[in-house]
């Protein structure tokens, strides 16, 4: 396993395990988020805040990696995001419903850390799954 692959897998596994302190090790202080979450700064601190929000709303929050492609200092990840709605999320009170949606992440790595992120997540499908009768 390459250094970049190890870094990426460590990041996702730490998020899945709720070990958000790992963010300080694997995400660079000068990190830039290109897929900002509403109301959260596009910074390393914002990454931690966003995952704290997700883990509070969805205690079983999980990012499954289906494909990981590395090219130089870039990585592309395709996977599935899952969780069960147990806490408030945006303006939606807990529903107890589960969701499962695809995501794609694109990262730039430098000096053994993640320095930039671009992503696509089907949040529309997620919200639909959480609000279906």
N, C-alpha and C. Protein backbone atom coordinates (compact mmCIF):
# COMPACT_ATOMS: atom_id res chain seq x y z
N UNK A 1 0.86 -1.17 0.00
CA UNK A 1 0.00 0.00 0.00
C UNK A 1 0.91 1.24 0.00
N UNK A 2 0.62 2.17 -0.89
CA UNK A 2 1.41 3.38 -0.98
C UNK A 2 1.14 4.30 0.22
N UNK A 3 2.04 5.27 0.39
CA UNK A 3 1.87 6.24 1.48
C UNK A 3 0.56 7.01 1.32
N UNK A 4 0.24 7.42 0.08
CA UNK A 4 -1.00 8.16 -0.17
C UNK A 4 -2.23 7.30 0.13
N UNK A 5 -2.21 6.05 -0.31
CA UNK A 5 -3.36 5.18 -0.04
C UNK A 5 -3.52 4.96 1.45
N UNK A 6 -2.43 4.76 2.15
CA UNK A 6 -2.50 4.56 3.61
C UNK A 6 -3.10 5.79 4.28
N UNK A 7 -2.67 6.99 3.87
CA UNK A 7 -3.19 8.24 4.43
C UNK A 7 -4.70 8.35 4.21
N UNK A 8 -5.14 8.08 3.00
CA UNK A 8 -6.56 8.21 2.66
C UNK A 8 -7.39 7.19 3.43
N UNK A 9 -6.94 5.95 3.46
CA UNK A 9 -7.69 4.93 4.19
C UNK A 9 -7.73 5.23 5.68
N UNK A 10 -6.64 5.73 6.22
CA UNK A 10 -6.62 6.12 7.64
C UNK A 10 -7.65 7.21 7.91
N UNK A 11 -7.73 8.20 7.02
CA UNK A 11 -8.69 9.28 7.17
C UNK A 11 -10.13 8.73 7.19
N UNK A 12 -10.50 7.96 6.19
CA UNK A 12 -11.87 7.44 6.12
C UNK A 12 -12.18 6.51 7.28
N UNK A 13 -11.24 5.65 7.65
CA UNK A 13 -11.48 4.73 8.77
C UNK A 13 -11.64 5.50 10.08
N UNK A 14 -10.89 6.59 10.25
CA UNK A 14 -11.03 7.37 11.48
C UNK A 14 -12.39 8.06 11.54
N UNK A 15 -12.87 8.57 10.42
CA UNK A 15 -14.20 9.18 10.37
C UNK A 15 -15.25 8.12 10.72
N UNK A 16 -15.12 6.94 10.10
CA UNK A 16 -16.08 5.86 10.36
C UNK A 16 -16.07 5.43 11.81
N UNK A 17 -14.93 5.51 12.46
CA UNK A 17 -14.82 5.10 13.86
C UNK A 17 -15.06 6.22 14.85
N UNK A 18 -15.35 7.43 14.34
CA UNK A 18 -15.60 8.56 15.22
C UNK A 18 -14.34 9.12 15.86
N UNK A 19 -13.18 8.78 15.33
CA UNK A 19 -11.90 9.27 15.87
C UNK A 19 -11.50 10.54 15.12
N UNK A 20 -12.19 11.63 15.41
CA UNK A 20 -12.02 12.86 14.66
C UNK A 20 -10.72 13.58 14.98
N UNK A 21 -10.02 13.19 16.04
CA UNK A 21 -8.73 13.78 16.35
C UNK A 21 -7.71 13.49 15.25
N UNK A 22 -7.91 12.43 14.48
CA UNK A 22 -7.00 12.07 13.39
C UNK A 22 -7.01 13.15 12.31
N UNK A 23 -8.08 13.93 12.23
CA UNK A 23 -8.16 15.01 11.24
C UNK A 23 -6.95 15.93 11.37
N UNK A 24 -6.52 16.22 12.59
CA UNK A 24 -5.38 17.13 12.80
C UNK A 24 -4.08 16.54 12.25
N UNK A 25 -3.99 15.22 12.16
CA UNK A 25 -2.80 14.57 11.62
C UNK A 25 -2.81 14.50 10.10
N UNK A 26 -3.96 14.21 9.52
CA UNK A 26 -4.00 13.91 8.09
C UNK A 26 -4.48 15.07 7.21
N UNK A 27 -5.09 16.08 7.79
CA UNK A 27 -5.56 17.24 7.03
C UNK A 27 -4.64 18.42 7.34
N UNK A 28 -4.10 19.04 6.30
CA UNK A 28 -3.12 20.12 6.46
C UNK A 28 -3.77 21.36 7.08
N UNK A 29 -3.01 22.12 7.87
CA UNK A 29 -3.54 23.36 8.45
C UNK A 29 -4.04 24.35 7.38
N UNK A 30 -3.43 24.33 6.22
CA UNK A 30 -3.82 25.25 5.13
C UNK A 30 -4.84 24.61 4.17
N UNK A 31 -5.50 23.54 4.62
CA UNK A 31 -6.48 22.81 3.81
C UNK A 31 -7.55 23.74 3.23
N UNK A 32 -8.00 23.43 2.01
CA UNK A 32 -9.07 24.17 1.35
C UNK A 32 -10.15 23.19 0.92
N UNK A 33 -11.37 23.46 1.33
CA UNK A 33 -12.55 22.66 0.96
C UNK A 33 -13.25 23.34 -0.21
N UNK A 34 -13.42 22.60 -1.31
CA UNK A 34 -14.07 23.14 -2.50
C UNK A 34 -15.53 22.68 -2.61
N UNK A 35 -16.01 21.91 -1.64
CA UNK A 35 -17.41 21.49 -1.57
C UNK A 35 -17.93 21.91 -0.19
N UNK A 36 -18.04 23.21 0.05
CA UNK A 36 -18.38 23.64 1.41
C UNK A 36 -19.78 23.20 1.85
N UNK A 37 -19.88 22.93 3.14
CA UNK A 37 -21.14 22.57 3.77
C UNK A 37 -21.77 23.86 4.28
N UNK A 38 -23.07 24.05 4.13
CA UNK A 38 -23.70 25.31 4.56
C UNK A 38 -23.37 25.67 6.01
N UNK A 39 -22.88 26.90 6.18
CA UNK A 39 -22.59 27.41 7.52
C UNK A 39 -21.28 26.96 8.12
N UNK A 40 -20.46 26.23 7.36
CA UNK A 40 -19.19 25.72 7.88
C UNK A 40 -18.05 26.25 7.02
N UNK A 41 -17.02 26.76 7.67
CA UNK A 41 -15.87 27.31 6.96
C UNK A 41 -15.16 26.21 6.15
N UNK A 42 -14.62 26.55 4.98
CA UNK A 42 -13.96 25.55 4.13
C UNK A 42 -12.50 25.33 4.53
N UNK A 43 -12.28 24.99 5.80
CA UNK A 43 -10.95 24.85 6.39
C UNK A 43 -10.82 23.50 7.10
N UNK A 44 -9.63 23.25 7.65
CA UNK A 44 -9.44 22.02 8.42
C UNK A 44 -10.38 22.00 9.62
N UNK A 45 -10.54 23.12 10.31
CA UNK A 45 -11.48 23.16 11.44
C UNK A 45 -12.90 22.88 10.96
N UNK A 46 -13.21 23.37 9.77
CA UNK A 46 -14.52 23.11 9.19
C UNK A 46 -14.74 21.63 8.90
N UNK A 47 -13.69 20.93 8.48
CA UNK A 47 -13.79 19.48 8.24
C UNK A 47 -14.19 18.78 9.53
N UNK A 48 -13.51 19.11 10.61
CA UNK A 48 -13.85 18.50 11.90
C UNK A 48 -15.28 18.85 12.30
N UNK A 49 -15.67 20.11 12.15
CA UNK A 49 -17.02 20.54 12.51
C UNK A 49 -18.07 19.80 11.67
N UNK A 50 -17.81 19.63 10.38
CA UNK A 50 -18.77 18.94 9.52
C UNK A 50 -18.93 17.48 9.93
N UNK A 51 -17.81 16.80 10.20
CA UNK A 51 -17.91 15.40 10.60
C UNK A 51 -18.48 15.25 12.01
N UNK A 52 -18.27 16.20 12.89
CA UNK A 52 -18.93 16.18 14.20
C UNK A 52 -20.44 16.28 14.02
N UNK A 53 -20.86 17.17 13.14
CA UNK A 53 -22.29 17.32 12.82
C UNK A 53 -22.86 16.01 12.27
N UNK A 54 -22.15 15.41 11.32
CA UNK A 54 -22.64 14.17 10.71
C UNK A 54 -22.70 13.04 11.74
N UNK A 55 -21.68 12.91 12.57
CA UNK A 55 -21.65 11.82 13.54
C UNK A 55 -22.69 12.04 14.64
N UNK A 56 -23.05 13.29 14.94
CA UNK A 56 -24.10 13.57 15.92
C UNK A 56 -25.47 13.23 15.33
N UNK A 57 -25.71 13.64 14.10
CA UNK A 57 -26.99 13.37 13.46
C UNK A 57 -27.14 11.91 13.07
N UNK A 58 -26.01 11.28 12.70
CA UNK A 58 -26.01 9.89 12.22
C UNK A 58 -24.89 9.14 12.96
N UNK A 59 -25.15 8.65 14.17
CA UNK A 59 -24.09 8.03 14.97
C UNK A 59 -23.39 6.85 14.29
N UNK A 60 -24.08 6.20 13.36
CA UNK A 60 -23.48 5.08 12.63
C UNK A 60 -22.95 5.52 11.26
N UNK A 61 -22.72 6.80 11.09
CA UNK A 61 -22.23 7.38 9.83
C UNK A 61 -21.04 6.58 9.31
N UNK A 62 -21.11 6.24 8.03
CA UNK A 62 -20.06 5.38 7.45
C UNK A 62 -19.82 5.75 5.99
N UNK A 63 -18.56 5.88 5.64
CA UNK A 63 -18.14 6.13 4.27
C UNK A 63 -17.43 4.88 3.77
N UNK A 64 -18.05 4.16 2.84
CA UNK A 64 -17.46 2.95 2.27
C UNK A 64 -16.76 3.31 0.97
N UNK A 65 -15.49 2.95 0.87
CA UNK A 65 -14.73 3.19 -0.36
C UNK A 65 -14.91 2.01 -1.29
N UNK A 66 -15.45 2.29 -2.49
CA UNK A 66 -15.58 1.25 -3.51
C UNK A 66 -14.41 1.27 -4.47
N UNK A 67 -13.94 2.46 -4.82
CA UNK A 67 -12.78 2.61 -5.71
C UNK A 67 -11.89 3.72 -5.20
N UNK A 68 -10.60 3.51 -5.29
CA UNK A 68 -9.60 4.50 -4.92
C UNK A 68 -8.54 4.49 -6.01
N UNK A 69 -8.40 5.62 -6.71
CA UNK A 69 -7.44 5.74 -7.80
C UNK A 69 -6.47 6.86 -7.45
N UNK A 70 -5.18 6.54 -7.55
CA UNK A 70 -4.13 7.52 -7.25
C UNK A 70 -3.37 7.87 -8.51
N UNK A 71 -3.04 9.15 -8.65
CA UNK A 71 -2.22 9.62 -9.77
C UNK A 71 -1.38 10.78 -9.27
N UNK A 72 -0.12 10.53 -8.99
CA UNK A 72 0.75 11.58 -8.47
C UNK A 72 0.25 12.08 -7.13
N UNK A 73 -0.02 13.39 -7.05
CA UNK A 73 -0.48 13.98 -5.79
C UNK A 73 -2.00 14.06 -5.72
N UNK A 74 -2.69 13.35 -6.60
CA UNK A 74 -4.16 13.38 -6.65
C UNK A 74 -4.75 12.01 -6.35
N UNK A 75 -5.96 12.04 -5.80
CA UNK A 75 -6.69 10.80 -5.52
C UNK A 75 -8.16 11.00 -5.87
N UNK A 76 -8.76 9.95 -6.40
CA UNK A 76 -10.19 9.94 -6.68
C UNK A 76 -10.79 8.77 -5.91
N UNK A 77 -11.86 9.04 -5.19
CA UNK A 77 -12.52 8.02 -4.37
C UNK A 77 -13.99 7.99 -4.76
N UNK A 78 -14.50 6.79 -5.03
CA UNK A 78 -15.92 6.59 -5.28
C UNK A 78 -16.42 5.65 -4.21
N UNK A 79 -17.56 6.01 -3.62
CA UNK A 79 -18.06 5.16 -2.56
C UNK A 79 -19.52 5.41 -2.23
N UNK A 80 -19.90 4.89 -1.07
CA UNK A 80 -21.28 5.02 -0.59
C UNK A 80 -21.25 5.54 0.84
N UNK A 81 -22.06 6.57 1.09
CA UNK A 81 -22.22 7.15 2.41
C UNK A 81 -23.53 6.63 2.99
N UNK A 82 -23.46 6.15 4.25
CA UNK A 82 -24.64 5.59 4.90
C UNK A 82 -24.77 6.14 6.32
N UNK A 83 -25.98 6.07 6.83
CA UNK A 83 -26.20 6.44 8.21
C UNK A 83 -27.66 6.32 8.59
N UNK A 84 -27.92 6.37 9.89
CA UNK A 84 -29.28 6.33 10.42
C UNK A 84 -29.51 7.62 11.18
N UNK A 85 -30.60 8.29 10.86
CA UNK A 85 -30.89 9.63 11.37
C UNK A 85 -31.37 9.58 12.82
N UNK A 86 -30.47 9.83 13.77
CA UNK A 86 -30.77 9.76 15.19
C UNK A 86 -30.71 11.12 15.90
N UNK A 87 -30.16 12.14 15.23
CA UNK A 87 -30.05 13.47 15.82
C UNK A 87 -30.45 14.52 14.80
N UNK A 88 -30.64 15.75 15.25
CA UNK A 88 -31.06 16.82 14.34
C UNK A 88 -30.03 17.01 13.23
N UNK A 89 -30.53 17.24 12.03
CA UNK A 89 -29.66 17.47 10.87
C UNK A 89 -30.28 18.59 10.05
N UNK A 90 -29.54 19.71 9.96
CA UNK A 90 -30.06 20.91 9.31
C UNK A 90 -31.38 21.26 9.97
N UNK A 91 -32.47 21.32 9.22
CA UNK A 91 -33.77 21.66 9.82
C UNK A 91 -34.64 20.42 10.04
N UNK A 92 -34.06 19.25 9.96
CA UNK A 92 -34.82 18.01 10.04
C UNK A 92 -34.59 17.32 11.39
N UNK A 93 -35.65 17.18 12.14
CA UNK A 93 -35.57 16.45 13.41
C UNK A 93 -35.34 14.97 13.12
N UNK A 94 -34.80 14.21 14.09
CA UNK A 94 -34.50 12.79 13.86
C UNK A 94 -35.71 12.01 13.37
N UNK A 95 -35.48 11.20 12.34
CA UNK A 95 -36.56 10.40 11.77
C UNK A 95 -36.39 8.91 12.05
N UNK A 96 -35.17 8.50 12.44
CA UNK A 96 -34.89 7.08 12.64
C UNK A 96 -34.68 6.35 11.33
N UNK A 97 -34.75 7.06 10.22
CA UNK A 97 -34.61 6.44 8.90
C UNK A 97 -33.14 6.36 8.49
N UNK A 98 -32.85 5.34 7.70
CA UNK A 98 -31.50 5.14 7.18
C UNK A 98 -31.41 5.73 5.78
N UNK A 99 -30.21 6.13 5.41
CA UNK A 99 -29.97 6.59 4.05
C UNK A 99 -28.71 5.91 3.52
N UNK A 100 -28.62 5.84 2.22
CA UNK A 100 -27.47 5.29 1.53
C UNK A 100 -27.37 6.00 0.19
N UNK A 101 -26.31 6.79 -0.01
CA UNK A 101 -26.15 7.56 -1.24
C UNK A 101 -24.71 7.48 -1.74
N UNK A 102 -24.54 7.61 -3.05
CA UNK A 102 -23.18 7.61 -3.60
C UNK A 102 -22.47 8.93 -3.34
N UNK A 103 -21.14 8.85 -3.31
CA UNK A 103 -20.32 10.05 -3.23
C UNK A 103 -19.06 9.85 -4.07
N UNK A 104 -18.46 10.96 -4.45
CA UNK A 104 -17.16 10.94 -5.11
C UNK A 104 -16.32 12.04 -4.47
N UNK A 105 -15.12 11.70 -4.06
CA UNK A 105 -14.20 12.67 -3.48
C UNK A 105 -12.95 12.73 -4.35
N UNK A 106 -12.41 13.93 -4.46
CA UNK A 106 -11.17 14.16 -5.19
C UNK A 106 -10.26 14.95 -4.26
N UNK A 107 -9.07 14.43 -4.04
CA UNK A 107 -8.15 15.01 -3.08
C UNK A 107 -6.83 15.39 -3.73
N UNK A 108 -6.20 16.42 -3.18
CA UNK A 108 -4.82 16.73 -3.50
C UNK A 108 -4.03 16.54 -2.22
N UNK A 109 -2.92 15.82 -2.33
CA UNK A 109 -2.10 15.46 -1.19
C UNK A 109 -0.73 16.12 -1.31
N UNK A 110 -0.20 16.50 -0.17
CA UNK A 110 1.12 17.14 -0.16
C UNK A 110 1.73 16.98 1.23
N UNK A 111 2.97 16.56 1.27
CA UNK A 111 3.68 16.45 2.55
C UNK A 111 3.02 15.50 3.52
N UNK A 112 2.41 14.43 3.01
CA UNK A 112 1.77 13.45 3.89
C UNK A 112 0.45 13.89 4.48
N UNK A 113 -0.17 14.91 3.87
CA UNK A 113 -1.46 15.39 4.36
C UNK A 113 -2.39 15.72 3.19
N UNK A 114 -3.67 15.78 3.49
CA UNK A 114 -4.67 16.21 2.51
C UNK A 114 -4.70 17.73 2.53
N UNK A 115 -4.51 18.35 1.35
CA UNK A 115 -4.47 19.81 1.31
C UNK A 115 -5.67 20.43 0.58
N UNK A 116 -6.35 19.63 -0.26
CA UNK A 116 -7.54 20.13 -0.93
C UNK A 116 -8.53 18.99 -1.14
N UNK A 117 -9.82 19.35 -1.15
CA UNK A 117 -10.89 18.38 -1.40
C UNK A 117 -11.94 19.00 -2.31
N UNK A 118 -12.34 18.23 -3.31
CA UNK A 118 -13.50 18.52 -4.15
C UNK A 118 -14.38 17.30 -4.03
N UNK A 119 -15.69 17.47 -4.05
CA UNK A 119 -16.54 16.30 -3.92
C UNK A 119 -17.91 16.49 -4.50
N UNK A 120 -18.55 15.35 -4.70
CA UNK A 120 -19.93 15.32 -5.18
C UNK A 120 -20.66 14.28 -4.33
N UNK A 121 -21.72 14.72 -3.67
CA UNK A 121 -22.54 13.82 -2.85
C UNK A 121 -23.99 14.05 -3.24
N UNK A 122 -24.74 12.97 -3.37
CA UNK A 122 -26.15 13.09 -3.75
C UNK A 122 -26.98 13.44 -2.52
N UNK A 123 -26.85 14.69 -2.06
CA UNK A 123 -27.57 15.12 -0.86
C UNK A 123 -29.08 15.20 -1.10
N UNK A 124 -29.48 15.43 -2.34
CA UNK A 124 -30.91 15.43 -2.65
C UNK A 124 -31.53 14.07 -2.37
N UNK A 125 -30.85 13.01 -2.82
CA UNK A 125 -31.34 11.65 -2.56
C UNK A 125 -31.30 11.34 -1.06
N UNK A 126 -30.28 11.84 -0.39
CA UNK A 126 -30.18 11.63 1.06
C UNK A 126 -31.37 12.24 1.77
N UNK A 127 -31.67 13.50 1.48
CA UNK A 127 -32.79 14.18 2.13
C UNK A 127 -34.12 13.52 1.77
N UNK A 128 -34.24 13.05 0.54
CA UNK A 128 -35.46 12.36 0.14
C UNK A 128 -35.65 11.09 0.95
N UNK A 129 -34.57 10.33 1.12
CA UNK A 129 -34.66 9.08 1.90
C UNK A 129 -35.02 9.36 3.36
N UNK A 130 -34.53 10.46 3.89
CA UNK A 130 -34.79 10.79 5.29
C UNK A 130 -36.20 11.32 5.52
N UNK A 131 -36.80 11.87 4.46
CA UNK A 131 -38.12 12.48 4.63
C UNK A 131 -39.27 11.67 4.04
N UNK A 132 -38.96 10.52 3.43
CA UNK A 132 -40.04 9.70 2.84
C UNK A 132 -40.97 9.18 3.93
N UNK A 133 -42.23 9.13 3.56
CA UNK A 133 -43.26 8.61 4.49
C UNK A 133 -43.25 7.11 4.52
